Every structure is written in C-alpha cells, then in structure tokens.
Amino acid sequence: MQPRFIPLSDVAELLSISASQAYALVRSGELRAIKVGGRGQWRVETTELESYIERSYAATAQALEEERARERESQRH
C-alpha cells in the first residue's frame, strides 16, 4: 500500500529538486503540506503532489502557447 503522506525529502527526490526548493514550494503555497509530530516535520499528501504536478504541466503548456503566439505575432511585423 502506498503511503498517504510523504516527507519533503521524498518530494524533493521525486521532483529532482533540493530539499530547500521543496520547502520553498510549501512556504509559497504552491504545494500544500501539513506539519506533524512534536518536531513539526512537514508531510505532503501524495494527491497534493499529483495536483501540483498537474498544475505545473498546465502552467507550462500555457506559457509555451503564449510564447508561440508572441513569436507568430513578431513574424507578422
């Protein structure tokens, strides 16, 4: 059975980013997480990570489309 929550270190590994970058995603609100335990360790629900990835795909697709539109517009002039 896959765990429901994963530590930020695992998030960082899965996204191939540093632990500080993963923490920055949480601090900025881009990636929802919770603090658990007496030491306040961060955990991310796997569904939240999947949602973040899907939002990132959508944002990237939109940015690429806008870039292509600017290129087409500049070629017309």
Protein backbone atom coordinates (compact mmCIF):
# COMPACT_ATOMS: atom_id res chain seq x y z
CA MET A 1 0.00 0.00 0.00
CA GLN A 2 1.34 3.41 -1.00
CA PRO A 3 1.72 5.88 1.90
CA ARG A 4 -0.79 8.73 2.05
CA PHE A 5 1.79 11.29 3.22
CA ILE A 6 5.45 11.65 2.27
CA PRO A 7 8.23 13.77 3.78
CA LEU A 8 9.63 16.80 1.96
CA SER A 9 12.87 14.91 1.36
CA ASP A 10 10.91 12.40 -0.74
CA VAL A 11 9.09 15.22 -2.57
CA ALA A 12 12.47 16.75 -3.39
CA GLU A 13 13.77 13.43 -4.66
CA LEU A 14 10.68 12.74 -6.77
CA LEU A 15 10.83 16.20 -8.38
CA SER A 16 14.64 16.14 -8.70
CA ILE A 17 14.99 19.37 -6.71
CA SER A 18 16.77 20.26 -3.48
CA ALA A 19 15.13 19.98 -0.07
CA SER A 20 15.25 23.78 0.25
CA GLN A 21 13.43 24.15 -3.07
CA ALA A 22 10.74 21.73 -1.87
CA TYR A 23 10.38 23.74 1.34
CA ALA A 24 10.12 26.94 -0.71
CA LEU A 25 7.22 25.42 -2.67
CA VAL A 26 5.44 24.76 0.63
CA ARG A 27 6.21 28.21 2.06
CA SER A 28 4.94 29.93 -1.11
CA GLY A 29 1.69 27.94 -1.03
CA GLU A 30 2.33 26.32 -4.39
CA LEU A 31 2.46 22.91 -2.71
CA ARG A 32 0.13 22.22 0.19
CA ALA A 33 1.61 20.39 3.16
CA ILE A 34 0.99 19.78 6.84
CA LYS A 35 3.21 19.79 9.90
CA VAL A 36 3.06 16.66 12.02
CA GLY A 37 4.63 15.44 15.23
CA GLY A 38 6.28 17.23 18.08
CA ARG A 39 9.17 18.40 15.92
CA GLY A 40 6.83 19.80 13.26
CA GLN A 41 8.02 17.75 10.34
CA TRP A 42 6.45 18.59 7.00
CA ARG A 43 4.44 15.97 5.12
CA VAL A 44 2.81 16.21 1.70
CA GLU A 45 -0.21 14.16 0.77
CA THR A 46 0.51 12.21 -2.41
CA THR A 47 -2.67 13.54 -4.02
CA GLU A 48 -1.45 17.10 -3.34
CA LEU A 49 1.85 16.31 -5.04
CA GLU A 50 -0.01 14.92 -8.06
CA SER A 51 -2.20 18.05 -8.17
CA TYR A 52 0.89 20.26 -8.03
CA ILE A 53 2.42 18.33 -10.93
CA GLU A 54 -0.77 18.66 -13.00
CA ARG A 55 -0.92 22.43 -12.30
CA SER A 56 2.72 22.70 -13.33
CA TYR A 57 2.03 20.91 -16.61
CA ALA A 58 -0.90 23.25 -17.31
CA ALA A 59 1.13 26.37 -16.45
CA THR A 60 3.99 25.21 -18.66
CA ALA A 61 1.64 24.49 -21.57
CA GLN A 62 0.06 27.94 -21.20
CA ALA A 63 3.46 29.67 -21.06
CA LEU A 64 4.62 27.81 -24.17
CA GLU A 65 1.44 28.72 -26.05
CA GLU A 66 1.87 32.38 -25.10
CA GLU A 67 5.48 32.25 -26.27
CA ARG A 68 4.44 30.73 -29.60
CA ALA A 69 1.75 33.40 -30.02
CA ARG A 70 4.33 36.17 -29.41
CA GLU A 71 6.68 34.56 -31.95
CA ARG A 72 3.90 34.36 -34.57
CA GLU A 73 2.98 37.99 -33.90
CA SER A 74 6.59 39.18 -34.21
CA GLN A 75 6.98 37.28 -37.51
CA ARG A 76 3.99 39.16 -38.96
CA HIS A 77 5.64 42.53 -38.37
